[in-house]
Amino acid sequence: MRHNKAGRRLGRTTSHRIAMFRNMVTSFLTHERIVTTDAKAKELRPIAEKLITLGKQGDLHSVRQAASYIRDKKTVTKLFSVIAPRYRERAGGYTRIVKLGIRPGDTAQLSVIELVEEQLPQKRTGKGEKTKVTVQVEAKEKAEAAEPVAEVSAEQKDESVKEA
C-alpha cells in the first residue's frame, strides 16, 4: 500500500520519471504550451510553477537552482528574462490545464498545459461590492443633485398655478 506517498508513478522508474519531467518542463518553458496526457500535465504543473517562482526571485542562487533542473541555458535565460517578468505582480497560478479529449490510439485523456497570458484585474474591496464610504458618498451626491432640481420644479408649479 502507498499510504502517504504523494505523486503519480506513471509506470516508470524514478530516474526515468525525473528525466521525463526535466524534459517536459524544458519543452514547456521553451514553447509555453505543450500537449500531453492529463496525469502528466497535473504532475508537471507544480514543477513549472516552482521554477517560475524561482525566476521571479531573480538572484544568482535562483538561477543556479533553475539551471540544475532545466539544464538548457537558452531556456533558463528565457525563464529569467521573458517569462518571470511577465508574472511579476501575480501571486501564483501561472499555468492552466485544458482538457482536449481522448487520444484515439490508447484512449488516454489528453490535455494542454499552457502559461496564463491575461492580465490580472484590479483588486476590488470585498466580494465585488462597493465600500460603505463609496456608497455614502454616492448617496450624498445623488441627494445634492436631486434637491435643487426638486425645488425648481416646485417653484415652477406654483408660478404656473398663479398664472392660470
C-alpha atoms as a PDB file:
ATOM      1  CA  MET A   1       0.000   0.000   0.000  1.00  0.00           C
ATOM      2  CA  ARG A   2       1.208   3.516  -0.860  1.00  0.00           C
ATOM      3  CA  HIS A   3      -0.128   5.424   2.114  1.00  0.00           C
ATOM      4  CA  ASN A   4       1.200   9.000   2.417  1.00  0.00           C
ATOM      5  CA  LYS A   5       3.203   8.770  -0.799  1.00  0.00           C
ATOM      6  CA  ALA A   6       2.415  11.782  -2.962  1.00  0.00           C
ATOM      7  CA  GLY A   7       2.773  11.926  -6.724  1.00  0.00           C
ATOM      8  CA  ARG A   8       1.969   9.571  -9.575  1.00  0.00           C
ATOM      9  CA  ARG A   9       4.493   6.951 -10.627  1.00  0.00           C
ATOM     10  CA  LEU A  10       3.208   6.835 -14.217  1.00  0.00           C
ATOM     11  CA  GLY A  11       4.569   3.310 -14.742  1.00  0.00           C
ATOM     12  CA  ARG A  12       8.199   4.454 -14.799  1.00  0.00           C
ATOM     13  CA  THR A  13      11.245   4.069 -12.637  1.00  0.00           C
ATOM     14  CA  THR A  14      12.289   7.028 -10.506  1.00  0.00           C
ATOM     15  CA  SER A  15      15.194   8.042 -12.733  1.00  0.00           C
ATOM     16  CA  HIS A  16      13.057   7.767 -15.880  1.00  0.00           C
ATOM     17  CA  ARG A  17      10.284   9.837 -14.293  1.00  0.00           C
ATOM     18  CA  ILE A  18      12.702  12.582 -13.164  1.00  0.00           C
ATOM     19  CA  ALA A  19      14.324  12.734 -16.605  1.00  0.00           C
ATOM     20  CA  MET A  20      10.909  12.846 -18.286  1.00  0.00           C
ATOM     21  CA  PHE A  21       9.739  15.771 -16.146  1.00  0.00           C
ATOM     22  CA  ARG A  22      13.002  17.648 -16.750  1.00  0.00           C
ATOM     23  CA  ASN A  23      12.478  17.274 -20.486  1.00  0.00           C
ATOM     24  CA  MET A  24       8.801  18.199 -20.234  1.00  0.00           C
ATOM     25  CA  VAL A  25       9.403  21.347 -18.185  1.00  0.00           C
ATOM     26  CA  THR A  26      12.173  22.400 -20.579  1.00  0.00           C
ATOM     27  CA  SER A  27       9.828  21.984 -23.551  1.00  0.00           C
ATOM     28  CA  PHE A  28       7.025  23.686 -21.666  1.00  0.00           C
ATOM     29  CA  LEU A  29       9.075  26.772 -20.817  1.00  0.00           C
ATOM     30  CA  THR A  30      10.548  26.911 -24.331  1.00  0.00           C
ATOM     31  CA  HIS A  31       7.241  26.670 -26.216  1.00  0.00           C
ATOM     32  CA  GLU A  32       4.971  27.998 -23.414  1.00  0.00           C
ATOM     33  CA  ARG A  33       2.409  25.257 -24.079  1.00  0.00           C
ATOM     34  CA  ILE A  34       2.546  21.524 -24.678  1.00  0.00           C
ATOM     35  CA  VAL A  35       0.031  18.755 -25.325  1.00  0.00           C
ATOM     36  CA  THR A  36       0.393  15.762 -23.024  1.00  0.00           C
ATOM     37  CA  THR A  37      -1.696  13.328 -21.033  1.00  0.00           C
ATOM     38  CA  ASP A  38      -3.838  14.626 -18.222  1.00  0.00           C
ATOM     39  CA  ALA A  39      -1.870  12.847 -15.474  1.00  0.00           C
ATOM     40  CA  LYS A  40       1.483  14.135 -16.752  1.00  0.00           C
ATOM     41  CA  ALA A  41       0.117  17.684 -17.026  1.00  0.00           C
ATOM     42  CA  LYS A  42      -1.139  17.575 -13.448  1.00  0.00           C
ATOM     43  CA  GLU A  43       2.267  16.405 -12.232  1.00  0.00           C
ATOM     44  CA  LEU A  44       4.118  18.955 -14.375  1.00  0.00           C
ATOM     45  CA  ARG A  45       2.170  21.954 -13.077  1.00  0.00           C
ATOM     46  CA  PRO A  46       3.800  22.259  -9.609  1.00  0.00           C
ATOM     47  CA  ILE A  47       7.279  21.808 -11.065  1.00  0.00           C
ATOM     48  CA  ALA A  48       6.745  24.548 -13.647  1.00  0.00           C
ATOM     49  CA  GLU A  49       5.190  26.934 -11.140  1.00  0.00           C
ATOM     50  CA  LYS A  50       8.095  26.487  -8.715  1.00  0.00           C
ATOM     51  CA  LEU A  51      10.558  27.271 -11.495  1.00  0.00           C
ATOM     52  CA  ILE A  52       8.621  30.414 -12.467  1.00  0.00           C
ATOM     53  CA  THR A  53       8.661  31.478  -8.813  1.00  0.00           C
ATOM     54  CA  LEU A  54      12.440  30.992  -8.821  1.00  0.00           C
ATOM     55  CA  GLY A  55      12.550  33.158 -11.940  1.00  0.00           C
ATOM     56  CA  LYS A  56      10.636  35.902 -10.136  1.00  0.00           C
ATOM     57  CA  GLN A  57      13.233  35.954  -7.342  1.00  0.00           C
ATOM     58  CA  GLY A  58      15.917  36.576  -9.941  1.00  0.00           C
ATOM     59  CA  ASP A  59      19.034  36.246  -7.763  1.00  0.00           C
ATOM     60  CA  LEU A  60      22.083  34.159  -8.573  1.00  0.00           C
ATOM     61  CA  HIS A  61      21.071  31.331  -6.269  1.00  0.00           C
ATOM     62  CA  SER A  62      17.691  31.062  -8.034  1.00  0.00           C
ATOM     63  CA  VAL A  63      19.396  30.974 -11.434  1.00  0.00           C
ATOM     64  CA  ARG A  64      21.626  28.144 -10.280  1.00  0.00           C
ATOM     65  CA  GLN A  65      18.718  26.196  -8.791  1.00  0.00           C
ATOM     66  CA  ALA A  66      16.726  26.534 -12.020  1.00  0.00           C
ATOM     67  CA  ALA A  67      19.768  25.603 -14.127  1.00  0.00           C
ATOM     68  CA  SER A  68      20.302  22.469 -12.069  1.00  0.00           C
ATOM     69  CA  TYR A  69      16.827  21.267 -13.048  1.00  0.00           C
ATOM     70  CA  ILE A  70      16.420  22.624 -16.591  1.00  0.00           C
ATOM     71  CA  ARG A  71      19.976  22.183 -17.965  1.00  0.00           C
ATOM     72  CA  ASP A  72      19.333  24.199 -21.119  1.00  0.00           C
ATOM     73  CA  LYS A  73      20.939  27.638 -20.996  1.00  0.00           C
ATOM     74  CA  LYS A  74      18.576  29.221 -23.533  1.00  0.00           C
ATOM     75  CA  THR A  75      15.524  28.061 -21.621  1.00  0.00           C
ATOM     76  CA  VAL A  76      16.934  29.272 -18.294  1.00  0.00           C
ATOM     77  CA  THR A  77      17.668  32.645 -19.884  1.00  0.00           C
ATOM     78  CA  LYS A  78      14.145  32.824 -21.286  1.00  0.00           C
ATOM     79  CA  LEU A  79      12.694  31.919 -17.890  1.00  0.00           C
ATOM     80  CA  PHE A  80      14.507  34.746 -16.111  1.00  0.00           C
ATOM     81  CA  SER A  81      14.316  37.407 -18.831  1.00  0.00           C
ATOM     82  CA  VAL A  82      10.934  36.842 -20.521  1.00  0.00           C
ATOM     83  CA  ILE A  83       8.617  34.576 -18.540  1.00  0.00           C
ATOM     84  CA  ALA A  84       9.271  35.641 -14.930  1.00  0.00           C
ATOM     85  CA  PRO A  85       8.889  39.426 -15.517  1.00  0.00           C
ATOM     86  CA  ARG A  86       5.516  38.738 -17.142  1.00  0.00           C
ATOM     87  CA  TYR A  87       4.222  37.369 -13.825  1.00  0.00           C
ATOM     88  CA  ARG A  88       5.943  39.889 -11.523  1.00  0.00           C
ATOM     89  CA  GLU A  89       2.653  41.038  -9.956  1.00  0.00           C
ATOM     90  CA  ARG A  90       0.944  37.634  -9.958  1.00  0.00           C
ATOM     91  CA  ALA A  91       0.955  35.668  -6.700  1.00  0.00           C
ATOM     92  CA  GLY A  92       0.725  32.226  -8.295  1.00  0.00           C
ATOM     93  CA  GLY A  93      -1.324  30.236 -10.757  1.00  0.00           C
ATOM     94  CA  TYR A  94       0.902  30.770 -13.768  1.00  0.00           C
ATOM     95  CA  THR A  95      -0.351  27.715 -15.679  1.00  0.00           C
ATOM     96  CA  ARG A  96      -3.659  26.405 -16.942  1.00  0.00           C
ATOM     97  CA  ILE A  97      -4.648  22.872 -17.931  1.00  0.00           C
ATOM     98  CA  VAL A  98      -7.305  22.476 -20.623  1.00  0.00           C
ATOM     99  CA  LYS A  99      -8.655  19.007 -21.357  1.00  0.00           C
ATOM    100  CA  LEU A 100      -8.742  18.099 -25.041  1.00  0.00           C
ATOM    101  CA  GLY A 101     -10.428  14.720 -25.079  1.00  0.00           C
ATOM    102  CA  ILE A 102      -9.359  11.159 -25.708  1.00  0.00           C
ATOM    103  CA  ARG A 103      -6.376  10.061 -27.806  1.00  0.00           C
ATOM    104  CA  PRO A 104      -7.609   7.521 -30.385  1.00  0.00           C
ATOM    105  CA  GLY A 105      -4.624   5.159 -30.146  1.00  0.00           C
ATOM    106  CA  ASP A 106      -4.740   4.258 -26.458  1.00  0.00           C
ATOM    107  CA  THR A 107      -7.768   6.205 -25.147  1.00  0.00           C
ATOM    108  CA  ALA A 108      -5.591   8.363 -22.878  1.00  0.00           C
ATOM    109  CA  GLN A 109      -7.019  11.685 -21.683  1.00  0.00           C
ATOM    110  CA  LEU A 110      -5.131  14.478 -23.466  1.00  0.00           C
ATOM    111  CA  SER A 111      -4.627  17.956 -22.053  1.00  0.00           C
ATOM    112  CA  VAL A 112      -2.903  21.176 -22.982  1.00  0.00           C
ATOM    113  CA  ILE A 113      -0.836  22.824 -20.292  1.00  0.00           C
ATOM    114  CA  GLU A 114      -0.073  26.451 -21.073  1.00  0.00           C
ATOM    115  CA  LEU A 115       1.068  29.651 -19.441  1.00  0.00           C
ATOM    116  CA  VAL A 116      -1.693  32.037 -18.419  1.00  0.00           C
ATOM    117  CA  GLU A 117      -1.460  35.177 -20.565  1.00  0.00           C
ATOM    118  CA  GLU A 118      -4.190  37.566 -19.421  1.00  0.00           C
ATOM    119  CA  GLN A 119      -3.548  40.434 -17.082  1.00  0.00           C
ATOM    120  CA  LEU A 120      -4.847  40.360 -13.542  1.00  0.00           C
ATOM    121  CA  PRO A 121      -7.889  42.583 -12.962  1.00  0.00           C
ATOM    122  CA  GLN A 122      -7.594  45.374 -10.423  1.00  0.00           C
ATOM    123  CA  LYS A 123      -8.370  44.163  -6.918  1.00  0.00           C
ATOM    124  CA  ARG A 124     -11.729  45.242  -5.541  1.00  0.00           C
ATOM    125  CA  THR A 125     -12.610  45.510  -1.905  1.00  0.00           C
ATOM    126  CA  GLY A 126     -14.847  42.819  -0.518  1.00  0.00           C
ATOM    127  CA  LYS A 127     -16.701  40.379  -2.700  1.00  0.00           C
ATOM    128  CA  GLY A 128     -17.151  42.701  -5.653  1.00  0.00           C
ATOM    129  CA  GLU A 129     -19.168  45.123  -3.571  1.00  0.00           C
ATOM    130  CA  LYS A 130     -18.556  48.800  -3.025  1.00  0.00           C
ATOM    131  CA  THR A 131     -17.237  50.002   0.309  1.00  0.00           C
ATOM    132  CA  LYS A 132     -19.546  51.770   2.745  1.00  0.00           C
ATOM    133  CA  VAL A 133     -17.723  55.061   2.240  1.00  0.00           C
ATOM    134  CA  THR A 134     -18.194  54.874  -1.542  1.00  0.00           C
ATOM    135  CA  VAL A 135     -21.902  54.108  -1.134  1.00  0.00           C
ATOM    136  CA  GLN A 136     -22.347  57.009   1.319  1.00  0.00           C
ATOM    137  CA  VAL A 137     -20.532  59.470  -0.962  1.00  0.00           C
ATOM    138  CA  GLU A 138     -22.605  58.401  -3.951  1.00  0.00           C
ATOM    139  CA  ALA A 139     -25.813  58.754  -1.916  1.00  0.00           C
ATOM    140  CA  LYS A 140     -24.866  62.311  -0.849  1.00  0.00           C
ATOM    141  CA  GLU A 141     -24.048  63.294  -4.426  1.00  0.00           C
ATOM    142  CA  LYS A 142     -27.381  61.965  -5.647  1.00  0.00           C
ATOM    143  CA  ALA A 143     -29.253  63.772  -2.864  1.00  0.00           C
ATOM    144  CA  GLU A 144     -27.491  67.081  -3.574  1.00  0.00           C
ATOM    145  CA  ALA A 145     -28.125  66.761  -7.273  1.00  0.00           C
ATOM    146  CA  ALA A 146     -31.785  65.899  -6.744  1.00  0.00           C
ATOM    147  CA  GLU A 147     -32.632  68.672  -4.223  1.00  0.00           C
ATOM    148  CA  PRO A 148     -32.115  71.774  -6.418  1.00  0.00           C
ATOM    149  CA  VAL A 149     -33.993  70.186  -9.275  1.00  0.00           C
ATOM    150  CA  ALA A 150     -36.898  69.339  -6.977  1.00  0.00           C
ATOM    151  CA  GLU A 151     -37.056  72.945  -5.610  1.00  0.00           C
ATOM    152  CA  VAL A 152     -37.024  74.458  -9.072  1.00  0.00           C
ATOM    153  CA  SER A 153     -39.755  72.196 -10.270  1.00  0.00           C
ATOM    154  CA  ALA A 154     -41.896  73.024  -7.196  1.00  0.00           C
ATOM    155  CA  GLU A 155     -41.461  76.782  -7.800  1.00  0.00           C
ATOM    156  CA  GLN A 156     -42.357  76.405 -11.444  1.00  0.00           C
ATOM    157  CA  LYS A 157     -45.523  74.591 -10.454  1.00  0.00           C
ATOM    158  CA  ASP A 158     -46.504  77.440  -8.108  1.00  0.00           C
ATOM    159  CA  GLU A 159     -45.918  80.064 -10.813  1.00  0.00           C
ATOM    160  CA  SER A 160     -47.829  78.112 -13.384  1.00  0.00           C
ATOM    161  CA  VAL A 161     -50.759  77.730 -10.953  1.00  0.00           C
ATOM    162  CA  LYS A 162     -50.798  81.540 -10.219  1.00  0.00           C
ATOM    163  CA  GLU A 163     -50.802  82.452 -13.905  1.00  0.00           C
ATOM    164  CA  ALA A 164     -53.733  80.238 -14.663  1.00  0.00           C
END
